Amino acid sequence: MARVLVILWFAISFSNAVLGNFALVVWLRVRGVRFPHSSAGNPGYVLNRYRDWCEQHDLSARRVVIYSYFSIIDVLLSSPIAILILAGGHH
């Protein structure tokens, strides 16, 4: 049961980080922010563009940036455990 929970944790945290970044990319593009398509998958680049947009519009980027950081940390915490389980290191 613990194996399933860890793999589920990893899948949800990874999906959350990827979908959150995708949503932010779409949100920025709707607001006219342009950047190379190849950079859209880089969360750090997208967050910097979001921060720039917020500064230009006198808004705070803090909540979205903190949420994104926690999403990335969640993936980093769940990854090694999920890899060990999937590799057969824990039975």
PDB file of N, CA and C in Angstrom:
ATOM      1  N   MET A   1       0.818  -1.203   0.000  1.00  0.00           N
ATOM      2  CA  MET A   1       0.000   0.000   0.000  1.00  0.00           C
ATOM      3  C   MET A   1       0.863   1.269   0.000  1.00  0.00           C
ATOM      4  N   ALA A   2       1.969   1.219   0.771  1.00  0.00           N
ATOM      5  CA  ALA A   2       2.856   2.380   0.833  1.00  0.00           C
ATOM      6  C   ALA A   2       3.467   2.668  -0.533  1.00  0.00           C
ATOM      7  N   ARG A   3       3.782   1.607  -1.271  1.00  0.00           N
ATOM      8  CA  ARG A   3       4.344   1.784  -2.619  1.00  0.00           C
ATOM      9  C   ARG A   3       3.375   2.547  -3.507  1.00  0.00           C
ATOM     10  N   VAL A   4       2.123   2.165  -3.461  1.00  0.00           N
ATOM     11  CA  VAL A   4       1.098   2.815  -4.284  1.00  0.00           C
ATOM     12  C   VAL A   4       0.961   4.278  -3.888  1.00  0.00           C
ATOM     13  N   LEU A   5       0.977   4.554  -2.592  1.00  0.00           N
ATOM     14  CA  LEU A   5       0.842   5.937  -2.126  1.00  0.00           C
ATOM     15  C   LEU A   5       2.016   6.804  -2.572  1.00  0.00           C
ATOM     16  N   VAL A   6       3.224   6.261  -2.512  1.00  0.00           N
ATOM     17  CA  VAL A   6       4.399   7.031  -2.936  1.00  0.00           C
ATOM     18  C   VAL A   6       4.353   7.292  -4.436  1.00  0.00           C
ATOM     19  N   ILE A   7       4.013   6.284  -5.200  1.00  0.00           N
ATOM     20  CA  ILE A   7       3.924   6.467  -6.655  1.00  0.00           C
ATOM     21  C   ILE A   7       2.806   7.449  -6.999  1.00  0.00           C
ATOM     22  N   LEU A   8       1.703   7.368  -6.279  1.00  0.00           N
ATOM     23  CA  LEU A   8       0.607   8.322  -6.479  1.00  0.00           C
ATOM     24  C   LEU A   8       1.054   9.734  -6.106  1.00  0.00           C
ATOM     25  N   TRP A   9       1.782   9.861  -5.000  1.00  0.00           N
ATOM     26  CA  TRP A   9       2.323  11.153  -4.574  1.00  0.00           C
ATOM     27  C   TRP A   9       3.202  11.739  -5.675  1.00  0.00           C
ATOM     28  N   PHE A  10       4.103  10.921  -6.212  1.00  0.00           N
ATOM     29  CA  PHE A  10       4.979  11.398  -7.277  1.00  0.00           C
ATOM     30  C   PHE A  10       4.171  11.814  -8.506  1.00  0.00           C
ATOM     31  N   ALA A  11       3.229  10.984  -8.913  1.00  0.00           N
ATOM     32  CA  ALA A  11       2.433  11.281 -10.113  1.00  0.00           C
ATOM     33  C   ALA A  11       1.651  12.579  -9.947  1.00  0.00           C
ATOM     34  N   ILE A  12       1.056  12.767  -8.786  1.00  0.00           N
ATOM     35  CA  ILE A  12       0.272  13.987  -8.546  1.00  0.00           C
ATOM     36  C   ILE A  12       1.187  15.204  -8.466  1.00  0.00           C
ATOM     37  N   SER A  13       2.306  15.096  -7.761  1.00  0.00           N
ATOM     38  CA  SER A  13       3.198  16.252  -7.631  1.00  0.00           C
ATOM     39  C   SER A  13       3.811  16.631  -8.979  1.00  0.00           C
ATOM     40  N   PHE A  14       4.186  15.630  -9.771  1.00  0.00           N
ATOM     41  CA  PHE A  14       4.744  15.904 -11.094  1.00  0.00           C
ATOM     42  C   PHE A  14       3.689  16.553 -11.995  1.00  0.00           C
ATOM     43  N   SER A  15       2.487  15.987 -11.994  1.00  0.00           N
ATOM     44  CA  SER A  15       1.399  16.548 -12.810  1.00  0.00           C
ATOM     45  C   SER A  15       1.074  17.968 -12.380  1.00  0.00           C
ATOM     46  N   ASN A  16       1.067  18.215 -11.080  1.00  0.00           N
ATOM     47  CA  ASN A  16       0.783  19.549 -10.562  1.00  0.00           C
ATOM     48  C   ASN A  16       1.817  20.558 -11.052  1.00  0.00           C
ATOM     49  N   ALA A  17       3.087  20.192 -11.001  1.00  0.00           N
ATOM     50  CA  ALA A  17       4.140  21.107 -11.441  1.00  0.00           C
ATOM     51  C   ALA A  17       4.052  21.377 -12.941  1.00  0.00           C
ATOM     52  N   VAL A  18       3.843  20.336 -13.725  1.00  0.00           N
ATOM     53  CA  VAL A  18       3.777  20.492 -15.181  1.00  0.00           C
ATOM     54  C   VAL A  18       2.531  21.273 -15.588  1.00  0.00           C
ATOM     55  N   LEU A  19       1.382  20.891 -15.052  1.00  0.00           N
ATOM     56  CA  LEU A  19       0.140  21.585 -15.413  1.00  0.00           C
ATOM     57  C   LEU A  19       0.120  23.020 -14.898  1.00  0.00           C
ATOM     58  N   GLY A  20       0.704  23.246 -13.727  1.00  0.00           N
ATOM     59  CA  GLY A  20       0.792  24.610 -13.203  1.00  0.00           C
ATOM     60  C   GLY A  20       1.640  25.498 -14.091  1.00  0.00           C
ATOM     61  N   ASN A  21       2.768  24.970 -14.557  1.00  0.00           N
ATOM     62  CA  ASN A  21       3.625  25.730 -15.467  1.00  0.00           C
ATOM     63  C   ASN A  21       2.908  25.993 -16.790  1.00  0.00           C
ATOM     64  N   PHE A  22       2.221  24.968 -17.301  1.00  0.00           N
ATOM     65  CA  PHE A  22       1.471  25.124 -18.552  1.00  0.00           C
ATOM     66  C   PHE A  22       0.386  26.195 -18.403  1.00  0.00           C
ATOM     67  N   ALA A  23      -0.335  26.160 -17.291  1.00  0.00           N
ATOM     68  CA  ALA A  23      -1.389  27.158 -17.053  1.00  0.00           C
ATOM     69  C   ALA A  23      -0.800  28.562 -16.992  1.00  0.00           C
ATOM     70  N   LEU A  24       0.362  28.701 -16.365  1.00  0.00           N
ATOM     71  CA  LEU A  24       1.000  30.013 -16.283  1.00  0.00           C
ATOM     72  C   LEU A  24       1.456  30.487 -17.663  1.00  0.00           C
ATOM     73  N   VAL A  25       1.969  29.578 -18.478  1.00  0.00           N
ATOM     74  CA  VAL A  25       2.368  29.927 -19.850  1.00  0.00           C
ATOM     75  C   VAL A  25       1.160  30.431 -20.631  1.00  0.00           C
ATOM     76  N   VAL A  26       0.053  29.708 -20.565  1.00  0.00           N
ATOM     77  CA  VAL A  26      -1.166  30.115 -21.278  1.00  0.00           C
ATOM     78  C   VAL A  26      -1.645  31.462 -20.753  1.00  0.00           C
ATOM     79  N   TRP A  27      -1.661  31.616 -19.440  1.00  0.00           N
ATOM     80  CA  TRP A  27      -2.116  32.863 -18.817  1.00  0.00           C
ATOM     81  C   TRP A  27      -1.272  34.041 -19.306  1.00  0.00           C
ATOM     82  N   LEU A  28       0.049  33.858 -19.350  1.00  0.00           N
ATOM     83  CA  LEU A  28       0.937  34.928 -19.810  1.00  0.00           C
ATOM     84  C   LEU A  28       0.719  35.240 -21.288  1.00  0.00           C
ATOM     85  N   ARG A  29       0.576  34.205 -22.100  1.00  0.00           N
ATOM     86  CA  ARG A  29       0.389  34.436 -23.542  1.00  0.00           C
ATOM     87  C   ARG A  29      -0.920  35.155 -23.829  1.00  0.00           C
ATOM     88  N   VAL A  30      -1.964  34.838 -23.081  1.00  0.00           N
ATOM     89  CA  VAL A  30      -3.249  35.535 -23.248  1.00  0.00           C
ATOM     90  C   VAL A  30      -3.070  37.024 -22.942  1.00  0.00           C
ATOM     91  N   ARG A  31      -2.163  37.340 -22.038  1.00  0.00           N
ATOM     92  CA  ARG A  31      -1.922  38.728 -21.659  1.00  0.00           C
ATOM     93  C   ARG A  31      -0.842  39.393 -22.509  1.00  0.00           C
ATOM     94  N   GLY A  32      -0.435  38.728 -23.583  1.00  0.00           N
ATOM     95  CA  GLY A  32       0.477  39.342 -24.544  1.00  0.00           C
ATOM     96  C   GLY A  32       1.953  39.143 -24.279  1.00  0.00           C
ATOM     97  N   VAL A  33       2.302  38.339 -23.297  1.00  0.00           N
ATOM     98  CA  VAL A  33       3.716  38.083 -23.016  1.00  0.00           C
ATOM     99  C   VAL A  33       4.218  37.049 -24.011  1.00  0.00           C
ATOM    100  N   ARG A  34       5.267  37.386 -24.720  1.00  0.00           N
ATOM    101  CA  ARG A  34       5.825  36.486 -25.728  1.00  0.00           C
ATOM    102  C   ARG A  34       7.196  36.005 -25.281  1.00  0.00           C
ATOM    103  N   PHE A  35       7.463  34.751 -25.535  1.00  0.00           N
ATOM    104  CA  PHE A  35       8.777  34.183 -25.274  1.00  0.00           C
ATOM    105  C   PHE A  35       8.941  32.956 -26.145  1.00  0.00           C
ATOM    106  N   PRO A  36      10.180  32.501 -26.340  1.00  0.00           N
ATOM    107  CA  PRO A  36      10.412  31.353 -27.226  1.00  0.00           C
ATOM    108  C   PRO A  36       9.642  30.120 -26.769  1.00  0.00           C
ATOM    109  N   HIS A  37       9.085  29.407 -27.715  1.00  0.00           N
ATOM    110  CA  HIS A  37       8.328  28.190 -27.413  1.00  0.00           C
ATOM    111  C   HIS A  37       9.192  27.196 -26.641  1.00  0.00           C
ATOM    112  N   SER A  38      10.474  27.147 -26.966  1.00  0.00           N
ATOM    113  CA  SER A  38      11.381  26.204 -26.301  1.00  0.00           C
ATOM    114  C   SER A  38      11.581  26.531 -24.821  1.00  0.00           C
ATOM    115  N   SER A  39      11.307  27.765 -24.417  1.00  0.00           N
ATOM    116  CA  SER A  39      11.469  28.166 -23.018  1.00  0.00           C
ATOM    117  C   SER A  39      10.219  27.930 -22.183  1.00  0.00           C
ATOM    118  N   ALA A  40       9.120  27.577 -22.819  1.00  0.00           N
ATOM    119  CA  ALA A  40       7.851  27.409 -22.106  1.00  0.00           C
ATOM    120  C   ALA A  40       7.895  26.261 -21.100  1.00  0.00           C
ATOM    121  N   GLY A  41       8.756  25.285 -21.301  1.00  0.00           N
ATOM    122  CA  GLY A  41       8.853  24.158 -20.384  1.00  0.00           C
ATOM    123  C   GLY A  41       9.799  24.393 -19.218  1.00  0.00           C
ATOM    124  N   ASN A  42      10.440  25.536 -19.191  1.00  0.00           N
ATOM    125  CA  ASN A  42      11.390  25.860 -18.130  1.00  0.00           C
ATOM    126  C   ASN A  42      10.675  26.676 -17.054  1.00  0.00           C
ATOM    127  N   PRO A  43      10.363  26.069 -15.903  1.00  0.00           N
ATOM    128  CA  PRO A  43       9.600  26.784 -14.878  1.00  0.00           C
ATOM    129  C   PRO A  43      10.286  28.056 -14.393  1.00  0.00           C
ATOM    130  N   GLY A  44      11.607  28.043 -14.284  1.00  0.00           N
ATOM    131  CA  GLY A  44      12.319  29.233 -13.829  1.00  0.00           C
ATOM    132  C   GLY A  44      12.164  30.393 -14.798  1.00  0.00           C
ATOM    133  N   TYR A  45      12.272  30.106 -16.078  1.00  0.00           N
ATOM    134  CA  TYR A  45      12.123  31.146 -17.094  1.00  0.00           C
ATOM    135  C   TYR A  45      10.702  31.704 -17.082  1.00  0.00           C
ATOM    136  N   VAL A  46       9.725  30.823 -17.007  1.00  0.00           N
ATOM    137  CA  VAL A  46       8.320  31.248 -17.007  1.00  0.00           C
ATOM    138  C   VAL A  46       8.025  32.093 -15.767  1.00  0.00           C
ATOM    139  N   LEU A  47       8.541  31.687 -14.611  1.00  0.00           N
ATOM    140  CA  LEU A  47       8.326  32.471 -13.389  1.00  0.00           C
ATOM    141  C   LEU A  47       8.973  33.848 -13.484  1.00  0.00           C
ATOM    142  N   ASN A  48      10.154  33.922 -14.099  1.00  0.00           N
ATOM    143  CA  ASN A  48      10.792  35.232 -14.280  1.00  0.00           C
ATOM    144  C   ASN A  48       9.961  36.127 -15.185  1.00  0.00           C
ATOM    145  N   ARG A  49       9.420  35.554 -16.254  1.00  0.00           N
ATOM    146  CA  ARG A  49       8.560  36.346 -17.137  1.00  0.00           C
ATOM    147  C   ARG A  49       7.303  36.800 -16.398  1.00  0.00           C
ATOM    148  N   TYR A  50       6.744  35.930 -15.550  1.00  0.00           N
ATOM    149  CA  TYR A  50       5.566  36.286 -14.754  1.00  0.00           C
ATOM    150  C   TYR A  50       5.905  37.419 -13.782  1.00  0.00           C
ATOM    151  N   ARG A  51       7.064  37.309 -13.125  1.00  0.00           N
ATOM    152  CA  ARG A  51       7.482  38.372 -12.204  1.00  0.00           C
ATOM    153  C   ARG A  51       7.651  39.693 -12.942  1.00  0.00           C
ATOM    154  N   ASP A  52       8.255  39.638 -14.126  1.00  0.00           N
ATOM    155  CA  ASP A  52       8.407  40.855 -14.934  1.00  0.00           C
ATOM    156  C   ASP A  52       7.049  41.459 -15.263  1.00  0.00           C
ATOM    157  N   TRP A  53       6.098  40.614 -15.672  1.00  0.00           N
ATOM    158  CA  TRP A  53       4.757  41.090 -16.015  1.00  0.00           C
ATOM    159  C   TRP A  53       4.102  41.738 -14.799  1.00  0.00           C
ATOM    160  N   CYS A  54       4.236  41.106 -13.647  1.00  0.00           N
ATOM    161  CA  CYS A  54       3.639  41.655 -12.423  1.00  0.00           C
ATOM    162  C   CYS A  54       4.254  43.007 -12.067  1.00  0.00           C
ATOM    163  N   GLU A  55       5.576  43.127 -12.206  1.00  0.00           N
ATOM    164  CA  GLU A  55       6.232  44.406 -11.923  1.00  0.00           C
ATOM    165  C   GLU A  55       5.738  45.496 -12.865  1.00  0.00           C
ATOM    166  N   GLN A  56       5.550  45.165 -14.134  1.00  0.00           N
ATOM    167  CA  GLN A  56       5.065  46.139 -15.108  1.00  0.00           C
ATOM    168  C   GLN A  56       3.643  46.590 -14.794  1.00  0.00           C
ATOM    169  N   HIS A  57       2.869  45.726 -14.149  1.00  0.00           N
ATOM    170  CA  HIS A  57       1.474  46.040 -13.845  1.00  0.00           C
ATOM    171  C   HIS A  57       1.256  46.345 -12.367  1.00  0.00           C
ATOM    172  N   ASP A  58       2.355  46.585 -11.650  1.00  0.00           N
ATOM    173  CA  ASP A  58       2.323  46.946 -10.233  1.00  0.00           C
ATOM    174  C   ASP A  58       1.527  45.939  -9.396  1.00  0.00           C
ATOM    175  N   LEU A  59       1.798  44.656  -9.631  1.00  0.00           N
ATOM    176  CA  LEU A  59       1.151  43.570  -8.894  1.00  0.00           C
ATOM    177  C   LEU A  59       2.217  42.716  -8.211  1.00  0.00           C
ATOM    178  N   SER A  60       1.809  41.969  -7.217  1.00  0.00           N
ATOM    179  CA  SER A  60       2.729  41.074  -6.521  1.00  0.00           C
ATOM    180  C   SER A  60       2.700  39.684  -7.157  1.00  0.00           C
ATOM    181  N   ALA A  61       3.874  39.141  -7.391  1.00  0.00           N
ATOM    182  CA  ALA A  61       3.995  37.793  -7.960  1.00  0.00           C
ATOM    183  C   ALA A  61       4.217  36.755  -6.865  1.00  0.00           C
ATOM    184  N   ARG A  62       4.250  37.188  -5.637  1.00  0.00           N
ATOM    185  CA  ARG A  62       4.666  36.350  -4.519  1.00  0.00           C
ATOM    186  C   ARG A  62       3.896  35.036  -4.391  1.00  0.00           C
ATOM    187  N   ARG A  63       2.578  35.073  -4.406  1.00  0.00           N
ATOM    188  CA  ARG A  63       1.790  33.851  -4.187  1.00  0.00           C
ATOM    189  C   ARG A  63       2.054  32.794  -5.254  1.00  0.00           C
ATOM    190  N   VAL A  64       2.074  33.206  -6.508  1.00  0.00           N
ATOM    191  CA  VAL A  64       2.293  32.247  -7.599  1.00  0.00           C
ATOM    192  C   VAL A  64       3.718  31.700  -7.553  1.00  0.00           C
ATOM    193  N   VAL A  65       4.681  32.555  -7.264  1.00  0.00           N
ATOM    194  CA  VAL A  65       6.076  32.112  -7.193  1.00  0.00           C
ATOM    195  C   VAL A  65       6.262  31.123  -6.042  1.00  0.00           C
ATOM    196  N   ILE A  66       5.705  31.420  -4.880  1.00  0.00           N
ATOM    197  CA  ILE A  66       5.815  30.507  -3.734  1.00  0.00           C
ATOM    198  C   ILE A  66       5.138  29.182  -4.046  1.00  0.00           C
ATOM    199  N   TYR A  67       3.956  29.227  -4.637  1.00  0.00           N
ATOM    200  CA  TYR A  67       3.257  27.991  -5.003  1.00  0.00           C
ATOM    201  C   TYR A  67       4.099  27.160  -5.971  1.00  0.00           C
ATOM    202  N   SER A  68       4.699  27.814  -6.949  1.00  0.00           N
ATOM    203  CA  SER A  68       5.530  27.107  -7.930  1.00  0.00           C
ATOM    204  C   SER A  68       6.756  26.490  -7.271  1.00  0.00           C
ATOM    205  N   TYR A  69       7.391  27.230  -6.360  1.00  0.00           N
ATOM    206  CA  TYR A  69       8.550  26.688  -5.650  1.00  0.00           C
ATOM    207  C   TYR A  69       8.166  25.452  -4.844  1.00  0.00           C
ATOM    208  N   PHE A  70       7.042  25.523  -4.126  1.00  0.00           N
ATOM    209  CA  PHE A  70       6.597  24.365  -3.351  1.00  0.00           C
ATOM    210  C   PHE A  70       6.254  23.182  -4.260  1.00  0.00           C
ATOM    211  N   SER A  71       5.705  23.456  -5.426  1.00  0.00           N
ATOM    212  CA  SER A  71       5.406  22.375  -6.377  1.00  0.00           C
ATOM    213  C   SER A  71       6.682  21.685  -6.836  1.00  0.00           C
ATOM    214  N   ILE A  72       7.700  22.471  -7.126  1.00  0.00           N
ATOM    215  CA  ILE A  72       8.973  21.906  -7.573  1.00  0.00           C
ATOM    216  C   ILE A  72       9.649  21.136  -6.436  1.00  0.00           C
ATOM    217  N   ILE A  73       9.610  21.682  -5.230  1.00  0.00           N
ATOM    218  CA  ILE A  73      10.178  20.986  -4.071  1.00  0.00           C
ATOM    219  C   ILE A  73       9.461  19.660  -3.843  1.00  0.00           C
ATOM    220  N   ASP A  74       8.147  19.650  -4.007  1.00  0.00           N
ATOM    221  CA  ASP A  74       7.362  18.423  -3.843  1.00  0.00           C
ATOM    222  C   ASP A  74       7.820  17.349  -4.833  1.00  0.00           C
ATOM    223  N   VAL A  75       8.060  17.740  -6.068  1.00  0.00           N
ATOM    224  CA  VAL A  75       8.558  16.785  -7.073  1.00  0.00           C
ATOM    225  C   VAL A  75       9.944  16.281  -6.674  1.00  0.00           C
ATOM    226  N   LEU A  76      10.800  17.190  -6.228  1.00  0.00           N
ATOM    227  CA  LEU A  76      12.156  16.794  -5.841  1.00  0.00           C
ATOM    228  C   LEU A  76      12.160  15.851  -4.638  1.00  0.00           C
ATOM    229  N   LEU A  77      11.223  16.021  -3.731  1.00  0.00           N
ATOM    230  CA  LEU A  77      11.135  15.128  -2.571  1.00  0.00           C
ATOM    231  C   LEU A  77      10.577  13.756  -2.939  1.00  0.00           C
ATOM    232  N   SER A  78       9.602  13.737  -3.820  1.00  0.00           N
ATOM    233  CA  SER A  78       8.960  12.463  -4.157  1.00  0.00           C
ATOM    234  C   SER A  78       9.754  11.647  -5.183  1.00  0.00           C
ATOM    235  N   SER A  79      10.547  12.299  -5.993  1.00  0.00           N
ATOM    236  CA  SER A  79      11.267  11.604  -7.074  1.00  0.00           C
ATOM    237  C   SER A  79      12.197  10.492  -6.610  1.00  0.00           C
ATOM    238  N   PRO A  80      13.125  10.754  -5.682  1.00  0.00           N
ATOM    239  CA  PRO A  80      14.053   9.678  -5.314  1.00  0.00           C
ATOM    240  C   PRO A  80      13.347   8.467  -4.708  1.00  0.00           C
ATOM    241  N   ILE A  81      12.321   8.713  -3.926  1.00  0.00           N
ATOM    242  CA  ILE A  81      11.592   7.607  -3.304  1.00  0.00           C
ATOM    243  C   ILE A  81      10.863   6.798  -4.371  1.00  0.00           C
ATOM    244  N   ALA A  82      10.202   7.490  -5.288  1.00  0.00           N
ATOM    245  CA  ALA A  82       9.484   6.788  -6.361  1.00  0.00           C
ATOM    246  C   ALA A  82      10.452   6.020  -7.253  1.00  0.00           C
ATOM    247  N   ILE A  83      11.605   6.595  -7.532  1.00  0.00           N
ATOM    248  CA  ILE A  83      12.601   5.914  -8.369  1.00  0.00           C
ATOM    249  C   ILE A  83      13.080   4.637  -7.686  1.00  0.00           C
ATOM    250  N   LEU A  84      13.350   4.714  -6.397  1.00  0.00           N
ATOM    251  CA  LEU A  84      13.780   3.516  -5.662  1.00  0.00           C
ATOM    252  C   LEU A  84      12.711   2.427  -5.701  1.00  0.00           C
ATOM    253  N   ILE A  85      11.474   2.819  -5.524  1.00  0.00           N
ATOM    254  CA  ILE A  85      10.380   1.840  -5.542  1.00  0.00           C
ATOM    255  C   ILE A  85      10.229   1.237  -6.934  1.00  0.00           C
ATOM    256  N   LEU A  86      10.231   2.090  -7.951  1.00  0.00           N
ATOM    257  CA  LEU A  86      10.063   1.589  -9.315  1.00  0.00           C
ATOM    258  C   LEU A  86      11.248   0.741  -9.769  1.00  0.00           C
ATOM    259  N   ALA A  87      12.423   1.034  -9.236  1.00  0.00           N
ATOM    260  CA  ALA A  87      13.610   0.258  -9.594  1.00  0.00           C
ATOM    261  C   ALA A  87      13.681  -1.059  -8.823  1.00  0.00           C
ATOM    262  N   GLY A  88      12.778  -1.234  -7.887  1.00  0.00           N
ATOM    263  CA  GLY A  88      12.745  -2.487  -7.132  1.00  0.00           C
ATOM    264  C   GLY A  88      13.600  -2.476  -5.892  1.00  0.00           C
ATOM    265  N   GLY A  89      14.025  -1.293  -5.456  1.00  0.00           N
ATOM    266  CA  GLY A  89      14.869  -1.185  -4.272  1.00  0.00           C
ATOM    267  C   GLY A  89      14.142  -1.423  -2.968  1.00  0.00           C
ATOM    268  N   HIS A  90      12.833  -1.254  -2.945  1.00  0.00           N
ATOM    269  CA  HIS A  90      12.039  -1.465  -1.728  1.00  0.00           C
ATOM    270  C   HIS A  90      10.903  -2.415  -2.038  1.00  0.00           C
ATOM    271  N   HIS A  91      10.776  -3.458  -1.253  1.00  0.00           N
ATOM    272  CA  HIS A  91       9.698  -4.432  -1.466  1.00  0.00           C
ATOM    273  C   HIS A  91       8.743  -4.407  -0.312  1.00  0.00           C
TER     274      HIS A  91
END
